[in-house]
Amino acid sequence: MLFRLSQVAPAAVSQRLEEATPQLEKTMKGATVTKDTVKQDLERAAELQRSALRAIAALSKIGAGVSLRFDAFVEELKKSSSWGAEFKELVGQ
């Protein structure tokens, strides 16, 4: 939904990046593994992370410099060993 909104109404979305950042950070941290966690839960969490990554890449194109917290989060993702390469590919860097 955020990916689509970033295309349709980029100005409105960029004004709310500060509010959306904590939820995106939580999503990118991944699923909490417990003794009851099954493979399907992990796969679902990974798919959710990939979807969030696509949204973050789209938002980073429209919201650079608008939210310091979001910008810091994007920089963390770029440096991440697990998501950095995929994020750079999505952004086109």
PDB file of N, CA and C in Angstrom:
ATOM      1  N   MET A   1       0.818  -1.173   0.000  1.00  0.00           N
ATOM      2  CA  MET A   1       0.000   0.000   0.000  1.00  0.00           C
ATOM      3  C   MET A   1       0.880   1.262   0.000  1.00  0.00           C
ATOM      4  N   LEU A   2       1.933   1.244   0.797  1.00  0.00           N
ATOM      5  CA  LEU A   2       2.829   2.403   0.817  1.00  0.00           C
ATOM      6  C   LEU A   2       3.526   2.596  -0.523  1.00  0.00           C
ATOM      7  N   PHE A   3       3.882   1.492  -1.160  1.00  0.00           N
ATOM      8  CA  PHE A   3       4.522   1.572  -2.468  1.00  0.00           C
ATOM      9  C   PHE A   3       3.601   2.289  -3.454  1.00  0.00           C
ATOM     10  N   ARG A   4       2.345   1.889  -3.470  1.00  0.00           N
ATOM     11  CA  ARG A   4       1.371   2.480  -4.391  1.00  0.00           C
ATOM     12  C   ARG A   4       1.107   3.943  -4.042  1.00  0.00           C
ATOM     13  N   LEU A   5       0.953   4.235  -2.759  1.00  0.00           N
ATOM     14  CA  LEU A   5       0.720   5.615  -2.337  1.00  0.00           C
ATOM     15  C   LEU A   5       1.893   6.525  -2.683  1.00  0.00           C
ATOM     16  N   SER A   6       3.099   5.981  -2.617  1.00  0.00           N
ATOM     17  CA  SER A   6       4.270   6.803  -2.952  1.00  0.00           C
ATOM     18  C   SER A   6       4.263   7.206  -4.424  1.00  0.00           C
ATOM     19  N   GLN A   7       3.587   6.428  -5.254  1.00  0.00           N
ATOM     20  CA  GLN A   7       3.472   6.763  -6.670  1.00  0.00           C
ATOM     21  C   GLN A   7       2.322   7.721  -6.928  1.00  0.00           C
ATOM     22  N   VAL A   8       1.216   7.539  -6.201  1.00  0.00           N
ATOM     23  CA  VAL A   8       0.005   8.320  -6.440  1.00  0.00           C
ATOM     24  C   VAL A   8       0.065   9.689  -5.763  1.00  0.00           C
ATOM     25  N   ALA A   9       0.500   9.714  -4.509  1.00  0.00           N
ATOM     26  CA  ALA A   9       0.513  10.962  -3.742  1.00  0.00           C
ATOM     27  C   ALA A   9       1.837  11.116  -2.989  1.00  0.00           C
ATOM     28  N   PRO A  10       2.920  11.358  -3.706  1.00  0.00           N
ATOM     29  CA  PRO A  10       4.232  11.404  -3.048  1.00  0.00           C
ATOM     30  C   PRO A  10       4.368  12.515  -2.003  1.00  0.00           C
ATOM     31  N   ALA A  11       3.759  13.660  -2.236  1.00  0.00           N
ATOM     32  CA  ALA A  11       3.882  14.769  -1.280  1.00  0.00           C
ATOM     33  C   ALA A  11       3.216  14.425   0.046  1.00  0.00           C
ATOM     34  N   ALA A  12       2.038  13.842  -0.008  1.00  0.00           N
ATOM     35  CA  ALA A  12       1.314  13.485   1.210  1.00  0.00           C
ATOM     36  C   ALA A  12       2.045  12.385   1.977  1.00  0.00           C
ATOM     37  N   VAL A  13       2.585  11.433   1.269  1.00  0.00           N
ATOM     38  CA  VAL A  13       3.296  10.333   1.915  1.00  0.00           C
ATOM     39  C   VAL A  13       4.592  10.832   2.543  1.00  0.00           C
ATOM     40  N   SER A  14       5.308  11.684   1.869  1.00  0.00           N
ATOM     41  CA  SER A  14       6.584  12.165   2.402  1.00  0.00           C
ATOM     42  C   SER A  14       6.390  12.966   3.689  1.00  0.00           C
ATOM     43  N   GLN A  15       5.225  13.582   3.862  1.00  0.00           N
ATOM     44  CA  GLN A  15       4.949  14.323   5.098  1.00  0.00           C
ATOM     45  C   GLN A  15       4.747  13.397   6.286  1.00  0.00           C
ATOM     46  N   ARG A  16       4.424  12.131   6.043  1.00  0.00           N
ATOM     47  CA  ARG A  16       4.135  11.173   7.114  1.00  0.00           C
ATOM     48  C   ARG A  16       5.230  10.139   7.315  1.00  0.00           C
ATOM     49  N   LEU A  17       6.393  10.346   6.732  1.00  0.00           N
ATOM     50  CA  LEU A  17       7.472   9.362   6.856  1.00  0.00           C
ATOM     51  C   LEU A  17       7.919   9.174   8.297  1.00  0.00           C
ATOM     52  N   GLU A  18       7.935  10.244   9.060  1.00  0.00           N
ATOM     53  CA  GLU A  18       8.366  10.164  10.460  1.00  0.00           C
ATOM     54  C   GLU A  18       7.476   9.196  11.241  1.00  0.00           C
ATOM     55  N   GLU A  19       6.185   9.194  10.943  1.00  0.00           N
ATOM     56  CA  GLU A  19       5.235   8.325  11.644  1.00  0.00           C
ATOM     57  C   GLU A  19       5.314   6.871  11.163  1.00  0.00           C
ATOM     58  N   ALA A  20       5.669   6.664   9.910  1.00  0.00           N
ATOM     59  CA  ALA A  20       5.706   5.314   9.348  1.00  0.00           C
ATOM     60  C   ALA A  20       7.003   4.574   9.665  1.00  0.00           C
ATOM     61  N   THR A  21       8.052   5.287   9.960  1.00  0.00           N
ATOM     62  CA  THR A  21       9.368   4.686  10.155  1.00  0.00           C
ATOM     63  C   THR A  21       9.419   3.632  11.266  1.00  0.00           C
ATOM     64  N   PRO A  22       8.835   3.857  12.458  1.00  0.00           N
ATOM     65  CA  PRO A  22       8.926   2.813  13.495  1.00  0.00           C
ATOM     66  C   PRO A  22       8.313   1.474  13.072  1.00  0.00           C
ATOM     67  N   GLN A  23       7.204   1.514  12.360  1.00  0.00           N
ATOM     68  CA  GLN A  23       6.577   0.272  11.915  1.00  0.00           C
ATOM     69  C   GLN A  23       7.434  -0.424  10.861  1.00  0.00           C
ATOM     70  N   LEU A  24       8.037   0.344   9.976  1.00  0.00           N
ATOM     71  CA  LEU A  24       8.920  -0.242   8.970  1.00  0.00           C
ATOM     72  C   LEU A  24      10.151  -0.867   9.623  1.00  0.00           C
ATOM     73  N   GLU A  25      10.691  -0.190  10.628  1.00  0.00           N
ATOM     74  CA  GLU A  25      11.844  -0.736  11.349  1.00  0.00           C
ATOM     75  C   GLU A  25      11.482  -2.057  12.015  1.00  0.00           C
ATOM     76  N   LYS A  26      10.321  -2.101  12.634  1.00  0.00           N
ATOM     77  CA  LYS A  26       9.869  -3.322  13.306  1.00  0.00           C
ATOM     78  C   LYS A  26       9.700  -4.459  12.305  1.00  0.00           C
ATOM     79  N   THR A  27       9.151  -4.167  11.156  1.00  0.00           N
ATOM     80  CA  THR A  27       8.953  -5.180  10.122  1.00  0.00           C
ATOM     81  C   THR A  27      10.288  -5.719   9.629  1.00  0.00           C
ATOM     82  N   MET A  28      11.247  -4.854   9.429  1.00  0.00           N
ATOM     83  CA  MET A  28      12.537  -5.284   8.890  1.00  0.00           C
ATOM     84  C   MET A  28      13.375  -6.061   9.904  1.00  0.00           C
ATOM     85  N   LYS A  29      13.040  -5.972  11.179  1.00  0.00           N
ATOM     86  CA  LYS A  29      13.770  -6.754  12.179  1.00  0.00           C
ATOM     87  C   LYS A  29      13.466  -8.235  12.053  1.00  0.00           C
ATOM     88  N   GLY A  30      12.303  -8.568  11.529  1.00  0.00           N
ATOM     89  CA  GLY A  30      11.972  -9.961  11.291  1.00  0.00           C
ATOM     90  C   GLY A  30      11.148 -10.578  12.396  1.00  0.00           C
ATOM     91  N   ALA A  31      10.865 -11.835  12.205  1.00  0.00           N
ATOM     92  CA  ALA A  31      10.021 -12.576  13.144  1.00  0.00           C
ATOM     93  C   ALA A  31      10.834 -12.998  14.360  1.00  0.00           C
ATOM     94  N   THR A  32      10.173 -13.004  15.486  1.00  0.00           N
ATOM     95  CA  THR A  32      10.782 -13.513  16.705  1.00  0.00           C
ATOM     96  C   THR A  32      10.660 -15.032  16.694  1.00  0.00           C
ATOM     97  N   VAL A  33      11.779 -15.684  16.818  1.00  0.00           N
ATOM     98  CA  VAL A  33      11.791 -17.145  16.770  1.00  0.00           C
ATOM     99  C   VAL A  33      11.625 -17.688  18.186  1.00  0.00           C
ATOM    100  N   THR A  34      10.603 -18.506  18.337  1.00  0.00           N
ATOM    101  CA  THR A  34      10.368 -19.180  19.612  1.00  0.00           C
ATOM    102  C   THR A  34      10.373 -20.691  19.362  1.00  0.00           C
ATOM    103  N   LYS A  35      10.130 -21.448  20.404  1.00  0.00           N
ATOM    104  CA  LYS A  35      10.109 -22.904  20.230  1.00  0.00           C
ATOM    105  C   LYS A  35       8.895 -23.354  19.433  1.00  0.00           C
ATOM    106  N   ASP A  36       7.872 -22.502  19.332  1.00  0.00           N
ATOM    107  CA  ASP A  36       6.658 -22.838  18.590  1.00  0.00           C
ATOM    108  C   ASP A  36       6.656 -22.319  17.150  1.00  0.00           C
ATOM    109  N   THR A  37       7.708 -21.641  16.742  1.00  0.00           N
ATOM    110  CA  THR A  37       7.779 -21.073  15.401  1.00  0.00           C
ATOM    111  C   THR A  37       7.940 -22.188  14.368  1.00  0.00           C
ATOM    112  N   VAL A  38       7.132 -22.119  13.320  1.00  0.00           N
ATOM    113  CA  VAL A  38       7.218 -23.107  12.250  1.00  0.00           C
ATOM    114  C   VAL A  38       7.791 -22.445  10.997  1.00  0.00           C
ATOM    115  N   LYS A  39       8.205 -23.258  10.068  1.00  0.00           N
ATOM    116  CA  LYS A  39       8.836 -22.766   8.846  1.00  0.00           C
ATOM    117  C   LYS A  39       7.918 -21.802   8.087  1.00  0.00           C
ATOM    118  N   GLN A  40       6.639 -22.089   8.067  1.00  0.00           N
ATOM    119  CA  GLN A  40       5.683 -21.238   7.356  1.00  0.00           C
ATOM    120  C   GLN A  40       5.665 -19.825   7.946  1.00  0.00           C
ATOM    121  N   ASP A  41       5.784 -19.690   9.258  1.00  0.00           N
ATOM    122  CA  ASP A  41       5.827 -18.379   9.892  1.00  0.00           C
ATOM    123  C   ASP A  41       7.071 -17.603   9.459  1.00  0.00           C
ATOM    124  N   LEU A  42       8.189 -18.304   9.367  1.00  0.00           N
ATOM    125  CA  LEU A  42       9.432 -17.656   8.944  1.00  0.00           C
ATOM    126  C   LEU A  42       9.353 -17.213   7.484  1.00  0.00           C
ATOM    127  N   GLU A  43       8.756 -18.038   6.641  1.00  0.00           N
ATOM    128  CA  GLU A  43       8.598 -17.680   5.231  1.00  0.00           C
ATOM    129  C   GLU A  43       7.663 -16.486   5.071  1.00  0.00           C
ATOM    130  N   ARG A  44       6.601 -16.466   5.849  1.00  0.00           N
ATOM    131  CA  ARG A  44       5.657 -15.350   5.805  1.00  0.00           C
ATOM    132  C   ARG A  44       6.346 -14.054   6.243  1.00  0.00           C
ATOM    133  N   ALA A  45       7.152 -14.136   7.290  1.00  0.00           N
ATOM    134  CA  ALA A  45       7.881 -12.969   7.784  1.00  0.00           C
ATOM    135  C   ALA A  45       8.888 -12.477   6.744  1.00  0.00           C
ATOM    136  N   ALA A  46       9.561 -13.397   6.059  1.00  0.00           N
ATOM    137  CA  ALA A  46      10.529 -13.010   5.028  1.00  0.00           C
ATOM    138  C   ALA A  46       9.835 -12.326   3.856  1.00  0.00           C
ATOM    139  N   GLU A  47       8.672 -12.812   3.468  1.00  0.00           N
ATOM    140  CA  GLU A  47       7.912 -12.176   2.386  1.00  0.00           C
ATOM    141  C   GLU A  47       7.448 -10.785   2.802  1.00  0.00           C
ATOM    142  N   LEU A  48       7.051 -10.638   4.042  1.00  0.00           N
ATOM    143  CA  LEU A  48       6.652  -9.332   4.558  1.00  0.00           C
ATOM    144  C   LEU A  48       7.834  -8.371   4.539  1.00  0.00           C
ATOM    145  N   GLN A  49       9.009  -8.859   4.879  1.00  0.00           N
ATOM    146  CA  GLN A  49      10.210  -8.029   4.841  1.00  0.00           C
ATOM    147  C   GLN A  49      10.538  -7.598   3.414  1.00  0.00           C
ATOM    148  N   ARG A  50      10.401  -8.498   2.453  1.00  0.00           N
ATOM    149  CA  ARG A  50      10.665  -8.127   1.062  1.00  0.00           C
ATOM    150  C   ARG A  50       9.675  -7.068   0.572  1.00  0.00           C
ATOM    151  N   SER A  51       8.419  -7.197   0.965  1.00  0.00           N
ATOM    152  CA  SER A  51       7.408  -6.203   0.591  1.00  0.00           C
ATOM    153  C   SER A  51       7.730  -4.854   1.229  1.00  0.00           C
ATOM    154  N   ALA A  52       8.115  -4.877   2.490  1.00  0.00           N
ATOM    155  CA  ALA A  52       8.486  -3.637   3.176  1.00  0.00           C
ATOM    156  C   ALA A  52       9.709  -3.011   2.522  1.00  0.00           C
ATOM    157  N   LEU A  53      10.644  -3.831   2.097  1.00  0.00           N
ATOM    158  CA  LEU A  53      11.850  -3.319   1.439  1.00  0.00           C
ATOM    159  C   LEU A  53      11.500  -2.607   0.132  1.00  0.00           C
ATOM    160  N   ARG A  54      10.567  -3.163  -0.640  1.00  0.00           N
ATOM    161  CA  ARG A  54      10.125  -2.497  -1.870  1.00  0.00           C
ATOM    162  C   ARG A  54       9.479  -1.153  -1.551  1.00  0.00           C
ATOM    163  N   ALA A  55       8.681  -1.109  -0.504  1.00  0.00           N
ATOM    164  CA  ALA A  55       8.045   0.145  -0.104  1.00  0.00           C
ATOM    165  C   ALA A  55       9.080   1.158   0.363  1.00  0.00           C
ATOM    166  N   ILE A  56      10.054   0.717   1.135  1.00  0.00           N
ATOM    167  CA  ILE A  56      11.097   1.614   1.636  1.00  0.00           C
ATOM    168  C   ILE A  56      11.915   2.169   0.476  1.00  0.00           C
ATOM    169  N   ALA A  57      12.203   1.336  -0.513  1.00  0.00           N
ATOM    170  CA  ALA A  57      12.954   1.802  -1.681  1.00  0.00           C
ATOM    171  C   ALA A  57      12.169   2.883  -2.417  1.00  0.00           C
ATOM    172  N   ALA A  58      10.871   2.681  -2.593  1.00  0.00           N
ATOM    173  CA  ALA A  58      10.040   3.678  -3.264  1.00  0.00           C
ATOM    174  C   ALA A  58       9.957   4.963  -2.442  1.00  0.00           C
ATOM    175  N   LEU A  59       9.815   4.814  -1.139  1.00  0.00           N
ATOM    176  CA  LEU A  59       9.725   5.986  -0.266  1.00  0.00           C
ATOM    177  C   LEU A  59      11.040   6.756  -0.217  1.00  0.00           C
ATOM    178  N   SER A  60      12.150   6.050  -0.302  1.00  0.00           N
ATOM    179  CA  SER A  60      13.448   6.728  -0.251  1.00  0.00           C
ATOM    180  C   SER A  60      13.672   7.614  -1.468  1.00  0.00           C
ATOM    181  N   LYS A  61      13.030   7.263  -2.567  1.00  0.00           N
ATOM    182  CA  LYS A  61      13.158   8.082  -3.777  1.00  0.00           C
ATOM    183  C   LYS A  61      12.389   9.391  -3.655  1.00  0.00           C
ATOM    184  N   ILE A  62      11.277   9.389  -2.922  1.00  0.00           N
ATOM    185  CA  ILE A  62      10.470  10.602  -2.816  1.00  0.00           C
ATOM    186  C   ILE A  62      10.717  11.378  -1.539  1.00  0.00           C
ATOM    187  N   GLY A  63      11.256  10.711  -0.508  1.00  0.00           N
ATOM    188  CA  GLY A  63      11.335  11.354   0.798  1.00  0.00           C
ATOM    189  C   GLY A  63      12.724  11.644   1.303  1.00  0.00           C
ATOM    190  N   ALA A  64      13.687  11.712   0.434  1.00  0.00           N
ATOM    191  CA  ALA A  64      15.060  11.983   0.876  1.00  0.00           C
ATOM    192  C   ALA A  64      15.141  13.377   1.485  1.00  0.00           C
ATOM    193  N   GLY A  65      15.624  13.454   2.715  1.00  0.00           N
ATOM    194  CA  GLY A  65      15.805  14.733   3.379  1.00  0.00           C
ATOM    195  C   GLY A  65      14.584  15.241   4.125  1.00  0.00           C
ATOM    196  N   VAL A  66      13.477  14.542   4.079  1.00  0.00           N
ATOM    197  CA  VAL A  66      12.257  14.999   4.738  1.00  0.00           C
ATOM    198  C   VAL A  66      12.253  14.590   6.211  1.00  0.00           C
ATOM    199  N   SER A  67      12.647  13.359   6.493  1.00  0.00           N
ATOM    200  CA  SER A  67      12.629  12.828   7.853  1.00  0.00           C
ATOM    201  C   SER A  67      14.015  12.305   8.210  1.00  0.00           C
ATOM    202  N   LEU A  68      14.586  12.859   9.248  1.00  0.00           N
ATOM    203  CA  LEU A  68      15.920  12.418   9.658  1.00  0.00           C
ATOM    204  C   LEU A  68      15.915  10.967  10.109  1.00  0.00           C
ATOM    205  N   ARG A  69      14.854  10.550  10.802  1.00  0.00           N
ATOM    206  CA  ARG A  69      14.772   9.171  11.271  1.00  0.00           C
ATOM    207  C   ARG A  69      14.670   8.200  10.103  1.00  0.00           C
ATOM    208  N   PHE A  70      13.855   8.542   9.109  1.00  0.00           N
ATOM    209  CA  PHE A  70      13.715   7.685   7.940  1.00  0.00           C
ATOM    210  C   PHE A  70      15.030   7.625   7.170  1.00  0.00           C
ATOM    211  N   ASP A  71      15.693   8.757   7.013  1.00  0.00           N
ATOM    212  CA  ASP A  71      16.979   8.785   6.310  1.00  0.00           C
ATOM    213  C   ASP A  71      18.017   7.915   7.014  1.00  0.00           C
ATOM    214  N   ALA A  72      18.041   7.965   8.344  1.00  0.00           N
ATOM    215  CA  ALA A  72      18.977   7.135   9.113  1.00  0.00           C
ATOM    216  C   ALA A  72      18.641   5.653   8.934  1.00  0.00           C
ATOM    217  N   PHE A  73      17.360   5.339   8.913  1.00  0.00           N
ATOM    218  CA  PHE A  73      16.915   3.959   8.716  1.00  0.00           C
ATOM    219  C   PHE A  73      17.336   3.456   7.337  1.00  0.00           C
ATOM    220  N   VAL A  74      17.186   4.277   6.317  1.00  0.00           N
ATOM    221  CA  VAL A  74      17.582   3.901   4.959  1.00  0.00           C
ATOM    222  C   VAL A  74      19.089   3.663   4.899  1.00  0.00           C
ATOM    223  N   GLU A  75      19.860   4.500   5.553  1.00  0.00           N
ATOM    224  CA  GLU A  75      21.313   4.319   5.572  1.00  0.00           C
ATOM    225  C   GLU A  75      21.689   3.011   6.264  1.00  0.00           C
ATOM    226  N   GLU A  76      20.979   2.664   7.342  1.00  0.00           N
ATOM    227  CA  GLU A  76      21.220   1.381   8.010  1.00  0.00           C
ATOM    228  C   GLU A  76      20.947   0.212   7.069  1.00  0.00           C
ATOM    229  N   LEU A  77      19.853   0.309   6.312  1.00  0.00           N
ATOM    230  CA  LEU A  77      19.511  -0.763   5.371  1.00  0.00           C
ATOM    231  C   LEU A  77      20.568  -0.902   4.284  1.00  0.00           C
ATOM    232  N   LYS A  78      21.083   0.209   3.804  1.00  0.00           N
ATOM    233  CA  LYS A  78      22.111   0.168   2.763  1.00  0.00           C
ATOM    234  C   LYS A  78      23.363  -0.551   3.249  1.00  0.00           C
ATOM    235  N   LYS A  79      23.674  -0.380   4.526  1.00  0.00           N
ATOM    236  CA  LYS A  79      24.868  -0.987   5.096  1.00  0.00           C
ATOM    237  C   LYS A  79      24.630  -2.416   5.577  1.00  0.00           C
ATOM    238  N   SER A  80      23.369  -2.815   5.655  1.00  0.00           N
ATOM    239  CA  SER A  80      22.999  -4.131   6.162  1.00  0.00           C
ATOM    240  C   SER A  80      23.559  -5.235   5.269  1.00  0.00           C
ATOM    241  N   SER A  81      24.074  -6.260   5.907  1.00  0.00           N
ATOM    242  CA  SER A  81      24.611  -7.380   5.126  1.00  0.00           C
ATOM    243  C   SER A  81      23.488  -8.233   4.541  1.00  0.00           C
ATOM    244  N   SER A  82      22.357  -8.278   5.226  1.00  0.00           N
ATOM    245  CA  SER A  82      21.270  -9.134   4.748  1.00  0.00           C
ATOM    246  C   SER A  82      20.382  -8.463   3.707  1.00  0.00           C
ATOM    247  N   TRP A  83      20.173  -7.151   3.794  1.00  0.00           N
ATOM    248  CA  TRP A  83      19.244  -6.476   2.877  1.00  0.00           C
ATOM    249  C   TRP A  83      19.902  -5.394   2.026  1.00  0.00           C
ATOM    250  N   GLY A  84      21.144  -5.055   2.287  1.00  0.00           N
ATOM    251  CA  GLY A  84      21.798  -3.960   1.594  1.00  0.00           C
ATOM    252  C   GLY A  84      21.858  -4.111   0.087  1.00  0.00           C
ATOM    253  N   ALA A  85      22.278  -5.257  -0.388  1.00  0.00           N
ATOM    254  CA  ALA A  85      22.411  -5.474  -1.841  1.00  0.00           C
ATOM    255  C   ALA A  85      21.056  -5.424  -2.535  1.00  0.00           C
ATOM    256  N   GLU A  86      20.074  -6.063  -1.926  1.00  0.00           N
ATOM    257  CA  GLU A  86      18.731  -6.071  -2.529  1.00  0.00           C
ATOM    258  C   GLU A  86      18.130  -4.664  -2.538  1.00  0.00           C
ATOM    259  N   PHE A  87      18.378  -3.910  -1.465  1.00  0.00           N
ATOM    260  CA  PHE A  87      17.861  -2.544  -1.404  1.00  0.00           C
ATOM    261  C   PHE A  87      18.509  -1.670  -2.480  1.00  0.00           C
ATOM    262  N   LYS A  88      19.813  -1.770  -2.621  1.00  0.00           N
ATOM    263  CA  LYS A  88      20.512  -0.978  -3.639  1.00  0.00           C
ATOM    264  C   LYS A  88      20.038  -1.338  -5.037  1.00  0.00           C
ATOM    265  N   GLU A  89      19.734  -2.596  -5.256  1.00  0.00           N
ATOM    266  CA  GLU A  89      19.214  -3.028  -6.562  1.00  0.00           C
ATOM    267  C   GLU A  89      17.837  -2.424  -6.820  1.00  0.00           C
ATOM    268  N   LEU A  90      16.989  -2.391  -5.796  1.00  0.00           N
ATOM    269  CA  LEU A  90      15.655  -1.813  -5.941  1.00  0.00           C
ATOM    270  C   LEU A  90      15.701  -0.305  -6.203  1.00  0.00           C
ATOM    271  N   VAL A  91      16.633   0.369  -5.543  1.00  0.00           N
ATOM    272  CA  VAL A  91      16.754   1.806  -5.701  1.00  0.00           C
ATOM    273  C   VAL A  91      17.474   2.161  -6.993  1.00  0.00           C
ATOM    274  N   GLY A  92      18.322   1.262  -7.428  1.00  0.00           N
ATOM    275  CA  GLY A  92      19.061   1.496  -8.675  1.00  0.00           C
ATOM    276  C   GLY A  92      20.386   2.158  -8.460  1.00  0.00           C
ATOM    277  N   GLN A  93      21.037   1.842  -7.350  1.00  0.00           N
ATOM    278  CA  GLN A  93      22.358   2.436  -7.063  1.00  0.00           C
ATOM    279  C   GLN A  93      23.439   1.423  -7.269  1.00  0.00           C
TER     280      GLN A  93
END
